[in-house]
């Protein structure tokens, strides 16, 4: 069995679960600010926070995968 197949299955299932959940990524200060702004701006603020968090996580994921791949010499 290919060693990367379980990893790919895990990543695919994680992405499916992450997309299905309603993400709430606000600290207490951002939550108070969002409550004062109203519902629509609060949703936009939350999406912006998620967007800013995904980019570095994706970069770390690619670097980690390439490091893992180079260590296994497959």
PDB file of N, CA and C in Angstrom:
ATOM      1  N   UNK A   1       0.838  -1.186   0.000  1.00  0.00           N
ATOM      2  CA  UNK A   1       0.000   0.000   0.000  1.00  0.00           C
ATOM      3  C   UNK A   1       0.879   1.243   0.000  1.00  0.00           C
ATOM      4  N   UNK A   2       0.500   2.200  -0.770  1.00  0.00           N
ATOM      5  CA  UNK A   2       1.242   3.447  -0.869  1.00  0.00           C
ATOM      6  C   UNK A   2       1.170   4.197   0.463  1.00  0.00           C
ATOM      7  N   UNK A   3       2.312   4.676   0.951  1.00  0.00           N
ATOM      8  CA  UNK A   3       2.352   5.341   2.259  1.00  0.00           C
ATOM      9  C   UNK A   3       1.646   6.686   2.253  1.00  0.00           C
ATOM     10  N   UNK A   4       1.580   7.355   1.119  1.00  0.00           N
ATOM     11  CA  UNK A   4       0.950   8.668   1.082  1.00  0.00           C
ATOM     12  C   UNK A   4      -0.570   8.577   0.954  1.00  0.00           C
ATOM     13  N   UNK A   5      -1.104   7.410   0.643  1.00  0.00           N
ATOM     14  CA  UNK A   5      -2.551   7.267   0.484  1.00  0.00           C
ATOM     15  C   UNK A   5      -3.314   7.548   1.782  1.00  0.00           C
ATOM     16  N   UNK A   6      -2.903   6.998   2.942  1.00  0.00           N
ATOM     17  CA  UNK A   6      -3.618   7.350   4.179  1.00  0.00           C
ATOM     18  C   UNK A   6      -3.540   8.835   4.507  1.00  0.00           C
ATOM     19  N   UNK A   7      -2.407   9.460   4.208  1.00  0.00           N
ATOM     20  CA  UNK A   7      -2.260  10.897   4.443  1.00  0.00           C
ATOM     21  C   UNK A   7      -3.231  11.679   3.568  1.00  0.00           C
ATOM     22  N   UNK A   8      -3.334  11.305   2.315  1.00  0.00           N
ATOM     23  CA  UNK A   8      -4.241  11.999   1.405  1.00  0.00           C
ATOM     24  C   UNK A   8      -5.694  11.800   1.827  1.00  0.00           C
ATOM     25  N   UNK A   9      -6.046  10.622   2.290  1.00  0.00           N
ATOM     26  CA  UNK A   9      -7.405  10.360   2.768  1.00  0.00           C
ATOM     27  C   UNK A   9      -7.692  11.225   3.994  1.00  0.00           C
ATOM     28  N   UNK A  10      -6.736  11.314   4.904  1.00  0.00           N
ATOM     29  CA  UNK A  10      -6.899  12.139   6.091  1.00  0.00           C
ATOM     30  C   UNK A  10      -7.085  13.605   5.717  1.00  0.00           C
ATOM     31  N   UNK A  11      -6.244  14.126   4.827  1.00  0.00           N
ATOM     32  CA  UNK A  11      -6.344  15.519   4.425  1.00  0.00           C
ATOM     33  C   UNK A  11      -7.674  15.806   3.727  1.00  0.00           C
ATOM     34  N   UNK A  12      -8.099  14.900   2.864  1.00  0.00           N
ATOM     35  CA  UNK A  12      -9.368  15.088   2.163  1.00  0.00           C
ATOM     36  C   UNK A  12     -10.533  15.103   3.151  1.00  0.00           C
ATOM     37  N   UNK A  13     -10.546  14.174   4.095  1.00  0.00           N
ATOM     38  CA  UNK A  13     -11.636  14.138   5.067  1.00  0.00           C
ATOM     39  C   UNK A  13     -11.594  15.361   5.982  1.00  0.00           C
ATOM     40  N   UNK A  14     -10.405  15.828   6.326  1.00  0.00           N
ATOM     41  CA  UNK A  14     -10.282  17.034   7.149  1.00  0.00           C
ATOM     42  C   UNK A  14     -10.845  18.246   6.416  1.00  0.00           C
ATOM     43  N   UNK A  15     -10.531  18.379   5.138  1.00  0.00           N
ATOM     44  CA  UNK A  15     -11.047  19.499   4.363  1.00  0.00           C
ATOM     45  C   UNK A  15     -12.569  19.448   4.247  1.00  0.00           C
ATOM     46  N   UNK A  16     -13.116  18.255   4.097  1.00  0.00           N
ATOM     47  CA  UNK A  16     -14.570  18.124   4.037  1.00  0.00           C
ATOM     48  C   UNK A  16     -15.216  18.548   5.349  1.00  0.00           C
ATOM     49  N   UNK A  17     -14.637  18.119   6.458  1.00  0.00           N
ATOM     50  CA  UNK A  17     -15.190  18.485   7.761  1.00  0.00           C
ATOM     51  C   UNK A  17     -15.040  19.978   8.027  1.00  0.00           C
ATOM     52  N   UNK A  18     -13.896  20.532   7.655  1.00  0.00           N
ATOM     53  CA  UNK A  18     -13.661  21.951   7.895  1.00  0.00           C
ATOM     54  C   UNK A  18     -14.618  22.813   7.084  1.00  0.00           C
ATOM     55  N   UNK A  19     -14.939  22.367   5.890  1.00  0.00           N
ATOM     56  CA  UNK A  19     -15.872  23.126   5.064  1.00  0.00           C
ATOM     57  C   UNK A  19     -17.301  23.017   5.548  1.00  0.00           C
ATOM     58  N   UNK A  20     -17.624  21.947   6.230  1.00  0.00           N
ATOM     59  CA  UNK A  20     -18.993  21.726   6.680  1.00  0.00           C
ATOM     60  C   UNK A  20     -19.306  22.464   7.981  1.00  0.00           C
ATOM     61  N   UNK A  21     -18.298  22.762   8.749  1.00  0.00           N
ATOM     62  CA  UNK A  21     -18.519  23.422  10.028  1.00  0.00           C
ATOM     63  C   UNK A  21     -18.715  24.917   9.850  1.00  0.00           C
ATOM     64  N   UNK A  22     -19.496  25.483  10.695  1.00  0.00           N
ATOM     65  CA  UNK A  22     -19.638  26.933  10.715  1.00  0.00           C
ATOM     66  C   UNK A  22     -18.496  27.478  11.571  1.00  0.00           C
ATOM     67  N   UNK A  23     -17.553  28.112  10.926  1.00  0.00           N
ATOM     68  CA  UNK A  23     -16.357  28.563  11.620  1.00  0.00           C
ATOM     69  C   UNK A  23     -16.623  29.863  12.368  1.00  0.00           C
ATOM     70  N   UNK A  24     -16.114  29.922  13.570  1.00  0.00           N
ATOM     71  CA  UNK A  24     -16.195  31.129  14.375  1.00  0.00           C
ATOM     72  C   UNK A  24     -14.798  31.402  14.915  1.00  0.00           C
ATOM     73  N   UNK A  25     -14.152  32.408  14.347  1.00  0.00           N
ATOM     74  CA  UNK A  25     -12.746  32.627  14.664  1.00  0.00           C
ATOM     75  C   UNK A  25     -12.502  34.008  15.246  1.00  0.00           C
ATOM     76  N   UNK A  26     -13.284  34.361  16.225  1.00  0.00           N
ATOM     77  CA  UNK A  26     -13.135  35.694  16.781  1.00  0.00           C
ATOM     78  C   UNK A  26     -12.659  35.641  18.227  1.00  0.00           C
ATOM     79  N   UNK A  27     -11.723  36.532  18.528  1.00  0.00           N
ATOM     80  CA  UNK A  27     -11.319  36.691  19.917  1.00  0.00           C
ATOM     81  C   UNK A  27     -12.392  37.518  20.628  1.00  0.00           C
ATOM     82  N   UNK A  28     -12.246  37.705  21.909  1.00  0.00           N
ATOM     83  CA  UNK A  28     -13.278  38.422  22.669  1.00  0.00           C
ATOM     84  C   UNK A  28     -13.422  39.875  22.218  1.00  0.00           C
ATOM     85  N   UNK A  29     -12.328  40.519  21.871  1.00  0.00           N
ATOM     86  CA  UNK A  29     -12.394  41.910  21.421  1.00  0.00           C
ATOM     87  C   UNK A  29     -13.082  41.997  20.063  1.00  0.00           C
ATOM     88  N   UNK A  30     -12.737  41.080  19.154  1.00  0.00           N
ATOM     89  CA  UNK A  30     -13.375  41.079  17.832  1.00  0.00           C
ATOM     90  C   UNK A  30     -14.857  40.739  17.946  1.00  0.00           C
ATOM     91  N   UNK A  31     -15.218  39.881  18.880  1.00  0.00           N
ATOM     92  CA  UNK A  31     -16.621  39.529  19.070  1.00  0.00           C
ATOM     93  C   UNK A  31     -17.431  40.748  19.500  1.00  0.00           C
ATOM     94  N   UNK A  32     -16.911  41.520  20.435  1.00  0.00           N
ATOM     95  CA  UNK A  32     -17.603  42.740  20.885  1.00  0.00           C
ATOM     96  C   UNK A  32     -17.747  43.743  19.740  1.00  0.00           C
ATOM     97  N   UNK A  33     -16.679  43.901  18.970  1.00  0.00           N
ATOM     98  CA  UNK A  33     -16.724  44.823  17.836  1.00  0.00           C
ATOM     99  C   UNK A  33     -17.744  44.353  16.809  1.00  0.00           C
ATOM    100  N   UNK A  34     -17.755  43.054  16.527  1.00  0.00           N
ATOM    101  CA  UNK A  34     -18.686  42.498  15.548  1.00  0.00           C
ATOM    102  C   UNK A  34     -20.130  42.640  16.017  1.00  0.00           C
ATOM    103  N   UNK A  35     -20.381  42.491  17.304  1.00  0.00           N
ATOM    104  CA  UNK A  35     -21.734  42.645  17.831  1.00  0.00           C
ATOM    105  C   UNK A  35     -22.228  44.076  17.653  1.00  0.00           C
ATOM    106  N   UNK A  36     -21.334  45.032  17.768  1.00  0.00           N
ATOM    107  CA  UNK A  36     -21.715  46.431  17.596  1.00  0.00           C
ATOM    108  C   UNK A  36     -21.941  46.781  16.127  1.00  0.00           C
ATOM    109  N   UNK A  37     -21.256  46.076  15.223  1.00  0.00           N
ATOM    110  CA  UNK A  37     -21.375  46.376  13.799  1.00  0.00           C
ATOM    111  C   UNK A  37     -22.675  45.856  13.194  1.00  0.00           C
ATOM    112  N   UNK A  38     -23.150  44.739  13.691  1.00  0.00           N
ATOM    113  CA  UNK A  38     -24.336  44.120  13.115  1.00  0.00           C
ATOM    114  C   UNK A  38     -23.990  42.756  12.531  1.00  0.00           C
ATOM    115  N   UNK A  39     -25.001  42.063  12.023  1.00  0.00           N
ATOM    116  CA  UNK A  39     -24.810  40.678  11.586  1.00  0.00           C
ATOM    117  C   UNK A  39     -23.969  40.557  10.311  1.00  0.00           C
ATOM    118  N   UNK A  40     -24.282  41.355   9.311  1.00  0.00           N
ATOM    119  CA  UNK A  40     -23.574  41.220   8.031  1.00  0.00           C
ATOM    120  C   UNK A  40     -22.088  41.595   8.133  1.00  0.00           C
ATOM    121  N   UNK A  41     -21.727  42.722   8.726  1.00  0.00           N
ATOM    122  CA  UNK A  41     -20.305  43.022   8.891  1.00  0.00           C
ATOM    123  C   UNK A  41     -19.587  42.013   9.796  1.00  0.00           C
ATOM    124  N   UNK A  42     -20.310  41.448  10.770  1.00  0.00           N
ATOM    125  CA  UNK A  42     -19.693  40.446  11.650  1.00  0.00           C
ATOM    126  C   UNK A  42     -19.324  39.202  10.860  1.00  0.00           C
ATOM    127  N   UNK A  43     -20.195  38.791   9.948  1.00  0.00           N
ATOM    128  CA  UNK A  43     -19.881  37.628   9.104  1.00  0.00           C
ATOM    129  C   UNK A  43     -18.689  37.916   8.204  1.00  0.00           C
ATOM    130  N   UNK A  44     -18.615  39.126   7.666  1.00  0.00           N
ATOM    131  CA  UNK A  44     -17.478  39.498   6.820  1.00  0.00           C
ATOM    132  C   UNK A  44     -16.179  39.522   7.628  1.00  0.00           C
ATOM    133  N   UNK A  45     -16.246  40.029   8.840  1.00  0.00           N
ATOM    134  CA  UNK A  45     -15.074  40.041   9.716  1.00  0.00           C
ATOM    135  C   UNK A  45     -14.605  38.622  10.012  1.00  0.00           C
ATOM    136  N   UNK A  46     -15.545  37.743  10.299  1.00  0.00           N
ATOM    137  CA  UNK A  46     -15.214  36.351  10.597  1.00  0.00           C
ATOM    138  C   UNK A  46     -14.583  35.667   9.386  1.00  0.00           C
ATOM    139  N   UNK A  47     -15.124  35.898   8.197  1.00  0.00           N
ATOM    140  CA  UNK A  47     -14.548  35.306   6.984  1.00  0.00           C
ATOM    141  C   UNK A  47     -13.140  35.831   6.736  1.00  0.00           C
ATOM    142  N   UNK A  48     -12.912  37.101   7.032  1.00  0.00           N
ATOM    143  CA  UNK A  48     -11.579  37.669   6.880  1.00  0.00           C
ATOM    144  C   UNK A  48     -10.574  37.037   7.827  1.00  0.00           C
ATOM    145  N   UNK A  49     -10.996  36.783   9.048  1.00  0.00           N
ATOM    146  CA  UNK A  49     -10.118  36.131  10.030  1.00  0.00           C
ATOM    147  C   UNK A  49      -9.774  34.719   9.572  1.00  0.00           C
ATOM    148  N   UNK A  50     -10.781  33.984   9.095  1.00  0.00           N
ATOM    149  CA  UNK A  50     -10.546  32.619   8.589  1.00  0.00           C
ATOM    150  C   UNK A  50      -9.597  32.661   7.394  1.00  0.00           C
ATOM    151  N   UNK A  51      -9.819  33.592   6.470  1.00  0.00           N
ATOM    152  CA  UNK A  51      -8.969  33.714   5.296  1.00  0.00           C
ATOM    153  C   UNK A  51      -7.516  33.972   5.691  1.00  0.00           C
ATOM    154  N   UNK A  52      -7.302  34.863   6.637  1.00  0.00           N
ATOM    155  CA  UNK A  52      -5.942  35.170   7.073  1.00  0.00           C
ATOM    156  C   UNK A  52      -5.289  34.004   7.810  1.00  0.00           C
ATOM    157  N   UNK A  53      -6.081  33.142   8.433  1.00  0.00           N
ATOM    158  CA  UNK A  53      -5.526  31.988   9.142  1.00  0.00           C
ATOM    159  C   UNK A  53      -5.189  30.843   8.195  1.00  0.00           C
ATOM    160  N   UNK A  54      -5.942  30.705   7.107  1.00  0.00           N
ATOM    161  CA  UNK A  54      -5.747  29.580   6.193  1.00  0.00           C
ATOM    162  C   UNK A  54      -4.425  29.684   5.443  1.00  0.00           C
ATOM    163  N   UNK A  55      -4.040  30.869   5.045  1.00  0.00           N
ATOM    164  CA  UNK A  55      -2.837  31.044   4.235  1.00  0.00           C
ATOM    165  C   UNK A  55      -1.572  30.528   4.929  1.00  0.00           C
ATOM    166  N   UNK A  56      -1.253  30.952   6.150  1.00  0.00           N
ATOM    167  CA  UNK A  56      -0.042  30.401   6.774  1.00  0.00           C
ATOM    168  C   UNK A  56      -0.162  28.917   7.092  1.00  0.00           C
ATOM    169  N   UNK A  57      -1.363  28.446   7.428  1.00  0.00           N
ATOM    170  CA  UNK A  57      -1.524  27.017   7.683  1.00  0.00           C
ATOM    171  C   UNK A  57      -1.284  26.200   6.427  1.00  0.00           C
ATOM    172  N   UNK A  58      -1.716  26.692   5.283  1.00  0.00           N
ATOM    173  CA  UNK A  58      -1.468  25.991   4.022  1.00  0.00           C
ATOM    174  C   UNK A  58       0.022  25.969   3.702  1.00  0.00           C
ATOM    175  N   UNK A  59       0.694  27.072   3.945  1.00  0.00           N
ATOM    176  CA  UNK A  59       2.143  27.126   3.697  1.00  0.00           C
ATOM    177  C   UNK A  59       2.867  26.134   4.595  1.00  0.00           C
ATOM    178  N   UNK A  60       2.527  26.114   5.884  1.00  0.00           N
ATOM    179  CA  UNK A  60       3.151  25.159   6.804  1.00  0.00           C
ATOM    180  C   UNK A  60       2.826  23.723   6.405  1.00  0.00           C
ATOM    181  N   UNK A  61       1.637  23.499   5.920  1.00  0.00           N
ATOM    182  CA  UNK A  61       1.250  22.158   5.477  1.00  0.00           C
ATOM    183  C   UNK A  61       2.076  21.693   4.299  1.00  0.00           C
ATOM    184  N   UNK A  62       2.286  22.561   3.331  1.00  0.00           N
ATOM    185  CA  UNK A  62       3.094  22.200   2.153  1.00  0.00           C
ATOM    186  C   UNK A  62       4.535  21.960   2.562  1.00  0.00           C
ATOM    187  N   UNK A  63       5.090  22.832   3.401  1.00  0.00           N
ATOM    188  CA  UNK A  63       6.473  22.651   3.862  1.00  0.00           C
ATOM    189  C   UNK A  63       6.594  21.354   4.658  1.00  0.00           C
ATOM    190  N   UNK A  64       5.642  21.090   5.540  1.00  0.00           N
ATOM    191  CA  UNK A  64       5.682  19.855   6.320  1.00  0.00           C
ATOM    192  C   UNK A  64       5.563  18.617   5.463  1.00  0.00           C
ATOM    193  N   UNK A  65       4.700  18.665   4.457  1.00  0.00           N
ATOM    194  CA  UNK A  65       4.546  17.511   3.564  1.00  0.00           C
ATOM    195  C   UNK A  65       5.818  17.272   2.773  1.00  0.00           C
ATOM    196  N   UNK A  66       6.434  18.336   2.260  1.00  0.00           N
ATOM    197  CA  UNK A  66       7.674  18.163   1.492  1.00  0.00           C
ATOM    198  C   UNK A  66       8.800  17.641   2.380  1.00  0.00           C
ATOM    199  N   UNK A  67       8.854  18.119   3.635  1.00  0.00           N
ATOM    200  CA  UNK A  67       9.871  17.617   4.568  1.00  0.00           C
ATOM    201  C   UNK A  67       9.628  16.148   4.865  1.00  0.00           C
ATOM    202  N   UNK A  68       8.368  15.776   5.131  1.00  0.00           N
ATOM    203  CA  UNK A  68       8.025  14.384   5.413  1.00  0.00           C
ATOM    204  C   UNK A  68       8.368  13.501   4.215  1.00  0.00           C
ATOM    205  N   UNK A  69       8.079  13.994   3.019  1.00  0.00           N
ATOM    206  CA  UNK A  69       8.341  13.227   1.807  1.00  0.00           C
ATOM    207  C   UNK A  69       9.843  13.037   1.608  1.00  0.00           C
ATOM    208  N   UNK A  70      10.644  14.065   1.897  1.00  0.00           N
ATOM    209  CA  UNK A  70      12.090  13.943   1.714  1.00  0.00           C
ATOM    210  C   UNK A  70      12.712  13.031   2.766  1.00  0.00           C
ATOM    211  N   UNK A  71      12.128  12.977   3.956  1.00  0.00           N
ATOM    212  CA  UNK A  71      12.650  12.092   5.009  1.00  0.00           C
ATOM    213  C   UNK A  71      12.373  10.618   4.733  1.00  0.00           C
ATOM    214  N   UNK A  72      11.263  10.334   4.059  1.00  0.00           N
ATOM    215  CA  UNK A  72      10.892   8.945   3.777  1.00  0.00           C
ATOM    216  C   UNK A  72      11.586   8.387   2.544  1.00  0.00           C
ATOM    217  N   UNK A  73      12.157   9.246   1.698  1.00  0.00           N
ATOM    218  CA  UNK A  73      12.881   8.848   0.500  1.00  0.00           C
ATOM    219  C   UNK A  73      12.069   7.927  -0.389  1.00  0.00           C
ATOM    220  N   UNK A  74      10.795   8.203  -0.540  1.00  0.00           N
ATOM    221  CA  UNK A  74       9.942   7.371  -1.418  1.00  0.00           C
ATOM    222  C   UNK A  74       9.819   7.993  -2.761  1.00  0.00           C
TER     223      UNK A  74
END
